Amino acid sequence: MKPKSPHLLSKEELAERWGVSVVLIGLYSAVGLGPKYVREDGFLRFPMEEVQKYEHARRMH
């Protein structure tokens, strides 16, 4: 198992960062809301750059 890229957040890490449930992150992704994501080894990963763009656009952090 290769280590994940440090600049990519998992659904769990993003949920913790935003203080929401992992289920909500999954729902956002399923309907095209939230930051852009990539698939890595079958899992959704969120590039930190995209997360920060999304947060800035919505003044989340």
PDB file of N, CA and C in Angstrom:
ATOM      1  N   MET A   1       0.850  -1.184   0.000  1.00  0.00           N
ATOM      2  CA  MET A   1       0.000   0.000   0.000  1.00  0.00           C
ATOM      3  C   MET A   1       0.886   1.234   0.000  1.00  0.00           C
ATOM      4  N   LYS A   2       0.718   2.068  -1.007  1.00  0.00           N
ATOM      5  CA  LYS A   2       1.548   3.260  -1.066  1.00  0.00           C
ATOM      6  C   LYS A   2       0.929   4.367  -0.209  1.00  0.00           C
ATOM      7  N   PRO A   3       1.756   5.225   0.373  1.00  0.00           N
ATOM      8  CA  PRO A   3       1.209   6.315   1.191  1.00  0.00           C
ATOM      9  C   PRO A   3       0.499   7.325   0.308  1.00  0.00           C
ATOM     10  N   LYS A   4      -0.559   7.924   0.831  1.00  0.00           N
ATOM     11  CA  LYS A   4      -1.277   8.920   0.045  1.00  0.00           C
ATOM     12  C   LYS A   4      -0.484  10.217  -0.009  1.00  0.00           C
ATOM     13  N   SER A   5      -0.754  10.990  -1.020  1.00  0.00           N
ATOM     14  CA  SER A   5      -0.067  12.265  -1.195  1.00  0.00           C
ATOM     15  C   SER A   5      -0.421  13.214  -0.053  1.00  0.00           C
ATOM     16  N   PRO A   6       0.566  13.914   0.497  1.00  0.00           N
ATOM     17  CA  PRO A   6       0.300  14.782   1.648  1.00  0.00           C
ATOM     18  C   PRO A   6      -0.603  15.972   1.327  1.00  0.00           C
ATOM     19  N   HIS A   7      -0.705  16.334   0.076  1.00  0.00           N
ATOM     20  CA  HIS A   7      -1.540  17.473  -0.292  1.00  0.00           C
ATOM     21  C   HIS A   7      -2.970  17.071  -0.625  1.00  0.00           C
ATOM     22  N   LEU A   8      -3.312  15.787  -0.424  1.00  0.00           N
ATOM     23  CA  LEU A   8      -4.662  15.303  -0.672  1.00  0.00           C
ATOM     24  C   LEU A   8      -5.336  14.940   0.645  1.00  0.00           C
ATOM     25  N   LEU A   9      -6.563  15.417   0.833  1.00  0.00           N
ATOM     26  CA  LEU A   9      -7.328  15.099   2.041  1.00  0.00           C
ATOM     27  C   LEU A   9      -8.321  13.980   1.740  1.00  0.00           C
ATOM     28  N   SER A  10      -8.514  13.100   2.695  1.00  0.00           N
ATOM     29  CA  SER A  10      -9.552  12.074   2.584  1.00  0.00           C
ATOM     30  C   SER A  10     -10.900  12.705   2.940  1.00  0.00           C
ATOM     31  N   LYS A  11     -11.982  11.955   2.702  1.00  0.00           N
ATOM     32  CA  LYS A  11     -13.305  12.449   3.113  1.00  0.00           C
ATOM     33  C   LYS A  11     -13.340  12.690   4.614  1.00  0.00           C
ATOM     34  N   GLU A  12     -12.714  11.800   5.370  1.00  0.00           N
ATOM     35  CA  GLU A  12     -12.703  11.928   6.831  1.00  0.00           C
ATOM     36  C   GLU A  12     -11.943  13.172   7.275  1.00  0.00           C
ATOM     37  N   GLU A  13     -10.818  13.435   6.637  1.00  0.00           N
ATOM     38  CA  GLU A  13     -10.024  14.617   6.982  1.00  0.00           C
ATOM     39  C   GLU A  13     -10.765  15.903   6.622  1.00  0.00           C
ATOM     40  N   LEU A  14     -11.426  15.904   5.469  1.00  0.00           N
ATOM     41  CA  LEU A  14     -12.187  17.093   5.071  1.00  0.00           C
ATOM     42  C   LEU A  14     -13.372  17.306   6.014  1.00  0.00           C
ATOM     43  N   ALA A  15     -14.054  16.226   6.374  1.00  0.00           N
ATOM     44  CA  ALA A  15     -15.185  16.331   7.300  1.00  0.00           C
ATOM     45  C   ALA A  15     -14.719  16.904   8.642  1.00  0.00           C
ATOM     46  N   GLU A  16     -13.582  16.442   9.130  1.00  0.00           N
ATOM     47  CA  GLU A  16     -13.048  16.966  10.392  1.00  0.00           C
ATOM     48  C   GLU A  16     -12.677  18.438  10.252  1.00  0.00           C
ATOM     49  N   ARG A  17     -12.057  18.789   9.153  1.00  0.00           N
ATOM     50  CA  ARG A  17     -11.660  20.188   8.912  1.00  0.00           C
ATOM     51  C   ARG A  17     -12.876  21.117   8.935  1.00  0.00           C
ATOM     52  N   TRP A  18     -13.983  20.653   8.343  1.00  0.00           N
ATOM     53  CA  TRP A  18     -15.176  21.480   8.242  1.00  0.00           C
ATOM     54  C   TRP A  18     -16.153  21.290   9.400  1.00  0.00           C
ATOM     55  N   GLY A  19     -15.921  20.299  10.227  1.00  0.00           N
ATOM     56  CA  GLY A  19     -16.824  20.046  11.341  1.00  0.00           C
ATOM     57  C   GLY A  19     -18.175  19.500  10.907  1.00  0.00           C
ATOM     58  N   VAL A  20     -18.158  18.666   9.877  1.00  0.00           N
ATOM     59  CA  VAL A  20     -19.389  18.056   9.374  1.00  0.00           C
ATOM     60  C   VAL A  20     -19.186  16.544   9.320  1.00  0.00           C
ATOM     61  N   SER A  21     -20.227  15.819   8.961  1.00  0.00           N
ATOM     62  CA  SER A  21     -20.123  14.358   8.889  1.00  0.00           C
ATOM     63  C   SER A  21     -19.491  13.915   7.572  1.00  0.00           C
ATOM     64  N   VAL A  22     -18.915  12.727   7.602  1.00  0.00           N
ATOM     65  CA  VAL A  22     -18.350  12.123   6.397  1.00  0.00           C
ATOM     66  C   VAL A  22     -19.459  11.877   5.380  1.00  0.00           C
ATOM     67  N   VAL A  23     -20.641  11.550   5.867  1.00  0.00           N
ATOM     68  CA  VAL A  23     -21.795  11.321   4.985  1.00  0.00           C
ATOM     69  C   VAL A  23     -22.104  12.584   4.184  1.00  0.00           C
ATOM     70  N   LEU A  24     -22.053  13.736   4.824  1.00  0.00           N
ATOM     71  CA  LEU A  24     -22.330  14.996   4.130  1.00  0.00           C
ATOM     72  C   LEU A  24     -21.284  15.259   3.048  1.00  0.00           C
ATOM     73  N   ILE A  25     -20.036  14.986   3.339  1.00  0.00           N
ATOM     74  CA  ILE A  25     -18.983  15.160   2.326  1.00  0.00           C
ATOM     75  C   ILE A  25     -19.266  14.246   1.137  1.00  0.00           C
ATOM     76  N   GLY A  26     -19.661  13.016   1.401  1.00  0.00           N
ATOM     77  CA  GLY A  26     -20.009  12.083   0.333  1.00  0.00           C
ATOM     78  C   GLY A  26     -21.189  12.563  -0.490  1.00  0.00           C
ATOM     79  N   LEU A  27     -22.197  13.100   0.179  1.00  0.00           N
ATOM     80  CA  LEU A  27     -23.370  13.620  -0.532  1.00  0.00           C
ATOM     81  C   LEU A  27     -23.002  14.813  -1.399  1.00  0.00           C
ATOM     82  N   TYR A  28     -22.214  15.725  -0.857  1.00  0.00           N
ATOM     83  CA  TYR A  28     -21.754  16.884  -1.639  1.00  0.00           C
ATOM     84  C   TYR A  28     -21.056  16.419  -2.911  1.00  0.00           C
ATOM     85  N   SER A  29     -20.169  15.448  -2.756  1.00  0.00           N
ATOM     86  CA  SER A  29     -19.415  14.945  -3.907  1.00  0.00           C
ATOM     87  C   SER A  29     -20.331  14.285  -4.920  1.00  0.00           C
ATOM     88  N   ALA A  30     -21.294  13.526  -4.456  1.00  0.00           N
ATOM     89  CA  ALA A  30     -22.209  12.788  -5.335  1.00  0.00           C
ATOM     90  C   ALA A  30     -23.053  13.710  -6.204  1.00  0.00           C
ATOM     91  N   VAL A  31     -23.397  14.887  -5.683  1.00  0.00           N
ATOM     92  CA  VAL A  31     -24.249  15.807  -6.440  1.00  0.00           C
ATOM     93  C   VAL A  31     -23.467  16.952  -7.071  1.00  0.00           C
ATOM     94  N   GLY A  32     -22.144  16.882  -6.986  1.00  0.00           N
ATOM     95  CA  GLY A  32     -21.321  17.888  -7.657  1.00  0.00           C
ATOM     96  C   GLY A  32     -21.086  19.157  -6.866  1.00  0.00           C
ATOM     97  N   LEU A  33     -21.358  19.125  -5.566  1.00  0.00           N
ATOM     98  CA  LEU A  33     -21.070  20.282  -4.720  1.00  0.00           C
ATOM     99  C   LEU A  33     -19.728  20.056  -4.044  1.00  0.00           C
ATOM    100  N   GLY A  34     -19.203  21.070  -3.448  1.00  0.00           N
ATOM    101  CA  GLY A  34     -17.947  20.921  -2.739  1.00  0.00           C
ATOM    102  C   GLY A  34     -16.757  21.084  -3.665  1.00  0.00           C
ATOM    103  N   PRO A  35     -15.567  20.932  -3.104  1.00  0.00           N
ATOM    104  CA  PRO A  35     -14.351  21.110  -3.906  1.00  0.00           C
ATOM    105  C   PRO A  35     -14.159  19.968  -4.906  1.00  0.00           C
ATOM    106  N   LYS A  36     -13.383  20.247  -5.936  1.00  0.00           N
ATOM    107  CA  LYS A  36     -13.055  19.211  -6.913  1.00  0.00           C
ATOM    108  C   LYS A  36     -12.268  18.117  -6.214  1.00  0.00           C
ATOM    109  N   TYR A  37     -12.433  16.899  -6.699  1.00  0.00           N
ATOM    110  CA  TYR A  37     -11.737  15.773  -6.087  1.00  0.00           C
ATOM    111  C   TYR A  37     -11.115  14.891  -7.162  1.00  0.00           C
ATOM    112  N   VAL A  38     -10.242  14.019  -6.729  1.00  0.00           N
ATOM    113  CA  VAL A  38      -9.630  13.016  -7.598  1.00  0.00           C
ATOM    114  C   VAL A  38      -9.854  11.659  -6.947  1.00  0.00           C
ATOM    115  N   ARG A  39      -9.736  10.618  -7.738  1.00  0.00           N
ATOM    116  CA  ARG A  39      -9.806   9.257  -7.189  1.00  0.00           C
ATOM    117  C   ARG A  39      -8.395   8.730  -7.089  1.00  0.00           C
ATOM    118  N   GLU A  40      -8.050   8.236  -5.913  1.00  0.00           N
ATOM    119  CA  GLU A  40      -6.737   7.639  -5.693  1.00  0.00           C
ATOM    120  C   GLU A  40      -6.962   6.284  -5.040  1.00  0.00           C
ATOM    121  N   ASP A  41      -6.555   5.240  -5.723  1.00  0.00           N
ATOM    122  CA  ASP A  41      -6.745   3.873  -5.221  1.00  0.00           C
ATOM    123  C   ASP A  41      -8.205   3.586  -4.881  1.00  0.00           C
ATOM    124  N   GLY A  42      -9.134   4.147  -5.662  1.00  0.00           N
ATOM    125  CA  GLY A  42     -10.558   3.893  -5.464  1.00  0.00           C
ATOM    126  C   GLY A  42     -11.234   4.779  -4.431  1.00  0.00           C
ATOM    127  N   PHE A  43     -10.486   5.684  -3.824  1.00  0.00           N
ATOM    128  CA  PHE A  43     -11.049   6.573  -2.800  1.00  0.00           C
ATOM    129  C   PHE A  43     -11.048   8.013  -3.292  1.00  0.00           C
ATOM    130  N   LEU A  44     -12.027   8.791  -2.820  1.00  0.00           N
ATOM    131  CA  LEU A  44     -12.040  10.213  -3.131  1.00  0.00           C
ATOM    132  C   LEU A  44     -10.953  10.902  -2.325  1.00  0.00           C
ATOM    133  N   ARG A  45     -10.213  11.767  -2.983  1.00  0.00           N
ATOM    134  CA  ARG A  45      -9.204  12.589  -2.316  1.00  0.00           C
ATOM    135  C   ARG A  45      -9.410  14.019  -2.792  1.00  0.00           C
ATOM    136  N   PHE A  46      -9.274  14.947  -1.871  1.00  0.00           N
ATOM    137  CA  PHE A  46      -9.515  16.346  -2.154  1.00  0.00           C
ATOM    138  C   PHE A  46      -8.199  17.109  -2.110  1.00  0.00           C
ATOM    139  N   PRO A  47      -7.745  17.637  -3.266  1.00  0.00           N
ATOM    140  CA  PRO A  47      -6.506  18.407  -3.266  1.00  0.00           C
ATOM    141  C   PRO A  47      -6.651  19.640  -2.361  1.00  0.00           C
ATOM    142  N   MET A  48      -5.667  19.861  -1.513  1.00  0.00           N
ATOM    143  CA  MET A  48      -5.720  20.984  -0.577  1.00  0.00           C
ATOM    144  C   MET A  48      -5.960  22.304  -1.306  1.00  0.00           C
ATOM    145  N   GLU A  49      -5.347  22.458  -2.459  1.00  0.00           N
ATOM    146  CA  GLU A  49      -5.535  23.680  -3.247  1.00  0.00           C
ATOM    147  C   GLU A  49      -7.011  23.895  -3.592  1.00  0.00           C
ATOM    148  N   GLU A  50      -7.705  22.823  -3.985  1.00  0.00           N
ATOM    149  CA  GLU A  50      -9.127  22.921  -4.332  1.00  0.00           C
ATOM    150  C   GLU A  50      -9.975  23.189  -3.091  1.00  0.00           C
ATOM    151  N   VAL A  51      -9.625  22.566  -1.981  1.00  0.00           N
ATOM    152  CA  VAL A  51     -10.337  22.797  -0.716  1.00  0.00           C
ATOM    153  C   VAL A  51     -10.215  24.267  -0.325  1.00  0.00           C
ATOM    154  N   GLN A  52      -9.014  24.804  -0.412  1.00  0.00           N
ATOM    155  CA  GLN A  52      -8.797  26.202  -0.040  1.00  0.00           C
ATOM    156  C   GLN A  52      -9.526  27.156  -0.975  1.00  0.00           C
ATOM    157  N   LYS A  53      -9.557  26.845  -2.276  1.00  0.00           N
ATOM    158  CA  LYS A  53     -10.311  27.670  -3.228  1.00  0.00           C
ATOM    159  C   LYS A  53     -11.797  27.664  -2.864  1.00  0.00           C
ATOM    160  N   TYR A  54     -12.327  26.479  -2.579  1.00  0.00           N
ATOM    161  CA  TYR A  54     -13.734  26.339  -2.228  1.00  0.00           C
ATOM    162  C   TYR A  54     -14.043  27.122  -0.946  1.00  0.00           C
ATOM    163  N   GLU A  55     -13.194  26.974   0.051  1.00  0.00           N
ATOM    164  CA  GLU A  55     -13.394  27.684   1.320  1.00  0.00           C
ATOM    165  C   GLU A  55     -13.326  29.192   1.124  1.00  0.00           C
ATOM    166  N   HIS A  56     -12.359  29.632   0.341  1.00  0.00           N
ATOM    167  CA  HIS A  56     -12.211  31.069   0.108  1.00  0.00           C
ATOM    168  C   HIS A  56     -13.434  31.636  -0.614  1.00  0.00           C
ATOM    169  N   ALA A  57     -13.926  30.905  -1.600  1.00  0.00           N
ATOM    170  CA  ALA A  57     -15.094  31.359  -2.367  1.00  0.00           C
ATOM    171  C   ALA A  57     -16.335  31.455  -1.480  1.00  0.00           C
ATOM    172  N   ARG A  58     -16.362  30.651  -0.426  1.00  0.00           N
ATOM    173  CA  ARG A  58     -17.516  30.643   0.481  1.00  0.00           C
ATOM    174  C   ARG A  58     -17.184  31.197   1.848  1.00  0.00           C
ATOM    175  N   ARG A  59     -15.978  31.748   1.974  1.00  0.00           N
ATOM    176  CA  ARG A  59     -15.497  32.360   3.218  1.00  0.00           C
ATOM    177  C   ARG A  59     -15.686  31.440   4.426  1.00  0.00           C
ATOM    178  N   MET A  60     -15.261  30.178   4.254  1.00  0.00           N
ATOM    179  CA  MET A  60     -15.437  29.182   5.304  1.00  0.00           C
ATOM    180  C   MET A  60     -14.331  29.231   6.341  1.00  0.00           C
ATOM    181  N   HIS A  61     -13.102  29.560   5.933  1.00  0.00           N
ATOM    182  CA  HIS A  61     -11.975  29.593   6.870  1.00  0.00           C
ATOM    183  C   HIS A  61     -11.232  30.877   6.721  1.00  0.00           C
TER     184      HIS A  61
END
